[in-house]
Amino acid sequence: MFPFWEHNHQVRVIAQRTLRAFWEKHPKAEQPLRSWLQEMKRGSFRRPSDVRRHYRSADFVGDDRVIFNIGGNKYRLVVHMSYRRHIAFIKFIGTHRQYDRIDAATVGRAK
């Protein structure tokens, strides 16, 4: 027998408050981020190819990190995907300009 969570493939998004804080400062980002959040929660992303199939413009960097273009590429979202545990950890959300100043492979890591 497999534990019940092995059959529940919905993705949990950790640190949704980070998204809320961002859209409070950037109101135009709210609807695109809410849409992404709902898609992610409903999705079944078991491997990077599942993400690619759903988000064609997503980019992948090391450490199972995915970069999502949000709001017509006005904003960038960096997420660490734990495919096995079905968890998306928000590592960064910012404008395209802010994104250009970070290293997507390491942003949000504990020092």
Protein backbone atom coordinates (compact mmCIF):
# COMPACT_ATOMS: atom_id res chain seq x y z
CA MET A 1 0.00 0.00 0.00
CA PHE A 2 1.15 3.49 -0.83
CA PRO A 3 0.50 6.37 1.56
CA PHE A 4 -2.45 8.55 0.56
CA TRP A 5 -0.21 11.49 -0.36
CA GLU A 6 1.38 9.44 -3.12
CA HIS A 7 -1.94 9.68 -4.99
CA ASN A 8 -2.55 13.39 -4.43
CA HIS A 9 -0.60 15.14 -7.15
CA GLN A 10 -1.77 18.68 -6.51
CA VAL A 11 1.11 21.04 -5.95
CA ARG A 12 1.41 22.92 -2.66
CA VAL A 13 2.85 26.40 -3.07
CA ILE A 14 5.01 27.49 -0.17
CA ALA A 15 5.32 31.16 0.74
CA GLN A 16 2.21 32.44 -1.00
CA ARG A 17 2.54 35.50 1.24
CA THR A 18 5.58 36.43 -0.86
CA LEU A 19 3.32 36.63 -3.91
CA ARG A 20 0.70 38.65 -2.01
CA ALA A 21 3.31 41.10 -0.75
CA PHE A 22 4.56 41.57 -4.29
CA TRP A 23 1.15 42.21 -5.86
CA GLU A 24 0.32 44.68 -3.08
CA LYS A 25 3.30 46.73 -4.30
CA HIS A 26 2.64 45.93 -7.99
CA PRO A 27 -1.17 45.73 -8.42
CA LYS A 28 -0.93 44.85 -12.12
CA ALA A 29 0.82 41.63 -11.10
CA GLU A 30 -2.05 40.41 -8.93
CA GLN A 31 -4.25 38.77 -11.57
CA PRO A 32 -1.39 37.03 -13.46
CA LEU A 33 0.05 35.76 -10.16
CA ARG A 34 -3.34 34.55 -8.94
CA SER A 35 -3.79 32.72 -12.24
CA TRP A 36 -0.35 31.11 -11.95
CA LEU A 37 -1.10 30.13 -8.36
CA GLN A 38 -4.38 28.43 -9.29
CA GLU A 39 -2.80 26.62 -12.25
CA MET A 40 0.03 25.42 -10.07
CA LYS A 41 -2.32 24.18 -7.35
CA ARG A 42 -4.45 22.29 -9.88
CA GLY A 43 -1.51 20.94 -11.84
CA SER A 44 0.17 17.61 -11.62
CA PHE A 45 3.83 18.38 -12.16
CA ARG A 46 5.79 15.20 -11.53
CA ARG A 47 8.84 16.09 -13.62
CA PRO A 48 10.28 19.05 -15.55
CA SER A 49 8.68 17.86 -18.79
CA ASP A 50 5.24 18.28 -17.18
CA VAL A 51 6.07 21.89 -16.38
CA ARG A 52 7.41 22.46 -19.90
CA ARG A 53 4.27 21.01 -21.44
CA HIS A 54 2.06 23.43 -19.47
CA TYR A 55 4.37 26.46 -19.46
CA ARG A 56 6.18 26.58 -22.79
CA SER A 57 8.09 29.76 -21.91
CA ALA A 58 9.43 28.39 -18.59
CA ASP A 59 13.20 28.24 -18.24
CA PHE A 60 15.05 25.73 -16.12
CA VAL A 61 18.21 26.25 -14.09
CA GLY A 62 20.03 23.95 -11.69
CA ASP A 63 18.62 22.65 -8.42
CA ASP A 64 15.16 21.98 -9.96
CA ARG A 65 14.48 25.69 -10.29
CA VAL A 66 12.01 26.98 -12.81
CA ILE A 67 11.74 30.55 -14.06
CA PHE A 68 8.21 31.59 -15.02
CA ASN A 69 7.35 34.61 -17.12
CA ILE A 70 4.37 36.32 -15.49
CA GLY A 71 2.12 39.00 -16.93
CA GLY A 72 3.43 38.99 -20.47
CA ASN A 73 7.03 38.75 -19.24
CA LYS A 74 6.72 41.91 -17.11
CA TYR A 75 7.53 39.86 -14.01
CA ARG A 76 9.71 36.86 -13.29
CA LEU A 77 9.04 34.15 -10.76
CA VAL A 78 11.75 31.73 -9.61
CA VAL A 79 10.44 28.55 -8.01
CA HIS A 80 12.21 25.49 -6.64
CA MET A 81 10.14 22.45 -7.60
CA SER A 82 10.17 19.43 -5.34
CA TYR A 83 8.61 17.06 -7.86
CA ARG A 84 8.61 14.06 -5.57
CA ARG A 85 6.87 15.95 -2.75
CA HIS A 86 4.63 18.03 -5.08
CA ILE A 87 5.76 21.33 -3.57
CA ALA A 88 6.66 24.61 -5.28
CA PHE A 89 8.86 26.84 -3.12
CA ILE A 90 8.78 30.52 -4.11
CA LYS A 91 12.38 31.78 -4.24
CA PHE A 92 11.95 35.13 -6.01
CA ILE A 93 9.33 37.34 -7.58
CA GLY A 94 10.26 40.61 -9.20
CA THR A 95 10.10 42.82 -12.21
CA HIS A 96 12.12 41.86 -15.24
CA ARG A 97 14.66 44.52 -14.28
CA GLN A 98 14.98 43.15 -10.73
CA TYR A 99 15.36 39.64 -12.11
CA ASP A 100 18.29 40.77 -14.26
CA ARG A 101 20.19 41.61 -11.04
CA ILE A 102 19.90 38.19 -9.37
CA ASP A 103 21.30 34.71 -9.92
CA ALA A 104 18.23 32.51 -10.43
CA ALA A 105 20.21 29.38 -9.51
CA THR A 106 21.04 30.63 -6.01
CA VAL A 107 18.48 33.30 -5.05
CA GLY A 108 16.60 32.47 -1.89
CA ARG A 109 19.06 29.89 -0.60
CA ALA A 110 19.94 29.89 3.07
CA LYS A 111 23.41 31.25 3.65
